[in-house]
Protein backbone atom coordinates (compact mmCIF):
# COMPACT_ATOMS: atom_id res chain seq x y z
CA MET A 1 8.03 -20.97 5.89
CA ARG A 2 4.24 -20.75 6.22
CA GLU A 3 2.91 -20.92 9.75
CA SER A 4 -0.45 -20.51 11.49
CA VAL A 5 -0.28 -18.06 14.42
CA VAL A 6 -2.52 -16.32 16.93
CA ILE A 7 -2.17 -12.63 17.84
CA VAL A 8 -1.55 -12.36 21.59
CA ALA A 9 -0.64 -8.65 21.94
CA ASP A 10 -0.89 -5.38 20.03
CA THR A 11 1.34 -2.37 20.79
CA ALA A 12 -1.34 0.01 19.49
CA ALA A 13 -4.15 -1.45 21.65
CA GLY A 14 -5.95 1.27 23.59
CA THR A 15 -4.26 4.10 21.69
CA SER A 16 -5.17 6.15 18.64
CA SER A 17 -2.04 4.94 16.83
CA ASN A 18 -2.25 3.11 13.50
CA ASN A 19 1.21 1.55 13.94
CA HIS A 20 0.37 -1.96 15.07
CA ARG A 21 3.14 -4.33 16.10
CA PHE A 22 1.62 -7.71 16.88
CA THR A 23 3.12 -10.33 19.15
CA LEU A 24 2.37 -13.76 17.72
CA ARG A 25 2.17 -17.26 19.21
CA GLY A 26 2.79 -20.26 16.98
CA THR A 27 0.96 -23.59 17.00
CA ASP A 28 3.62 -25.00 19.34
CA GLY A 29 2.65 -22.44 22.03
CA ARG A 30 5.85 -20.38 21.82
CA GLU A 31 5.82 -16.68 21.06
CA LEU A 32 7.68 -15.73 17.91
CA GLU A 33 10.62 -13.37 18.29
CA GLU A 34 9.53 -11.43 15.22
CA LYS A 35 6.75 -8.87 15.41
CA LEU A 36 4.19 -8.50 12.63
CA GLY A 37 3.97 -4.85 11.60
CA PHE A 38 0.72 -3.38 10.29
CA ASP A 39 0.27 0.31 9.48
CA GLY A 40 -3.37 0.80 8.65
CA ASP A 41 -6.50 2.50 9.89
CA ALA A 42 -9.34 0.99 7.84
CA TRP A 43 -8.99 -2.53 9.21
CA ALA A 44 -6.53 -4.14 11.55
CA PRO A 45 -6.37 -7.64 13.02
CA GLU A 46 -7.24 -7.89 16.70
CA VAL A 47 -5.84 -9.84 19.63
CA GLY A 48 -7.11 -13.41 19.37
CA ASP A 49 -7.29 -13.45 15.56
CA ARG A 50 -5.68 -16.39 13.82
CA LEU A 51 -3.46 -15.61 10.82
CA ASP A 52 -1.31 -17.54 8.41
CA VAL A 53 2.05 -15.84 8.04
CA ILE A 54 5.09 -16.45 5.92
CA ARG A 55 8.28 -15.97 7.85
CA ASP A 56 11.96 -16.59 7.53
CA PRO A 57 13.37 -18.39 10.60
CA GLU A 58 16.82 -16.98 9.82
CA GLY A 59 15.42 -13.43 9.83
CA ALA A 60 16.72 -12.40 6.40
CA VAL A 61 13.25 -11.51 5.09
CA PRO A 62 10.71 -9.53 7.18
CA MET A 63 7.46 -11.27 8.10
CA GLU A 64 4.26 -10.52 6.19
CA GLN A 65 0.70 -11.71 6.44
CA ALA A 66 0.46 -14.68 4.05
CA ASP A 67 -2.66 -13.58 2.21
CA ASP A 68 -1.13 -10.11 1.72
CA VAL A 69 2.04 -11.37 0.03
CA ASP A 70 0.30 -11.71 -3.33
CA ALA A 71 -0.12 -8.11 -4.41
CA ALA A 72 -3.08 -8.68 -6.76
CA GLY A 73 -4.93 -5.84 -5.05
CA ARG A 74 -2.17 -3.44 -6.04
CA LEU A 75 -2.74 -4.21 -9.71
CA GLY A 76 -5.90 -2.09 -9.74
CA GLY A 77 -4.02 0.86 -8.28
CA LEU A 78 -1.27 0.47 -10.84
CA ILE A 79 -3.74 0.42 -13.72
CA GLY A 80 -5.72 3.35 -12.30
CA GLY A 81 -2.58 5.39 -11.80
CA THR A 82 -1.35 4.66 -15.31
CA VAL A 83 -4.68 5.67 -16.84
CA THR A 84 -4.81 8.85 -14.73
CA TRP A 85 -1.29 9.96 -15.66
CA THR A 86 -1.91 9.18 -19.33
CA LEU A 87 -5.07 11.31 -19.35
CA MET A 88 -3.27 14.12 -17.55
CA ALA A 89 -0.47 14.08 -20.13
CA VAL A 90 -2.94 14.14 -23.04
CA LEU A 91 -4.92 17.00 -21.48
CA ALA A 92 -1.76 18.98 -20.74
CA GLY A 93 -0.62 18.52 -24.34
CA TRP A 94 -4.01 19.62 -25.65
CA ARG A 95 -3.95 22.68 -23.39
CA GLY A 96 -0.50 23.61 -24.69
CA HIS A 97 -1.68 23.16 -28.28
CA VAL A 98 -4.68 25.44 -27.70
CA ARG A 99 -2.56 28.11 -25.99
CA ARG A 100 0.06 28.07 -28.75
CA ARG A 101 -2.64 28.37 -31.39
CA ARG A 102 -4.31 31.24 -29.52
CA ASP A 103 -0.95 33.04 -29.19
CA SER A 104 -0.15 32.59 -32.90
CA ASP A 105 -3.61 33.93 -33.87
CA SER A 106 -3.12 37.04 -31.73
CA LEU A 107 0.32 37.56 -33.33
CA VAL A 108 -1.26 37.58 -36.81
CA TYR A 109 -3.77 40.23 -35.73
CA GLN A 110 -0.99 42.37 -34.30
CA LEU A 111 0.93 42.27 -37.59
CA LEU A 112 -2.10 43.40 -39.60
């Protein structure tokens, strides 16, 4: 269920903690029983900010910020990680090839 809420309290307010647990108030004026968890240091919502959240009234699925549910931003990290690991594997294979070739050349010189 998608719902518009306002942040009314933050457990990390006034501390150096990055573990934010926000208390939210719905459009009907009632505070939600669920807390919105946010573990981040670059940017965090503040008390008074309005958010759209997706929540499960039965509590089977934890609440998330609605615009964060679509993980399109994680696609870049996935692609970057795949490219990095592929390059590392190719470079490691090349290094092994060079070392084996160097060792076989030194073996030939020892036999002569």
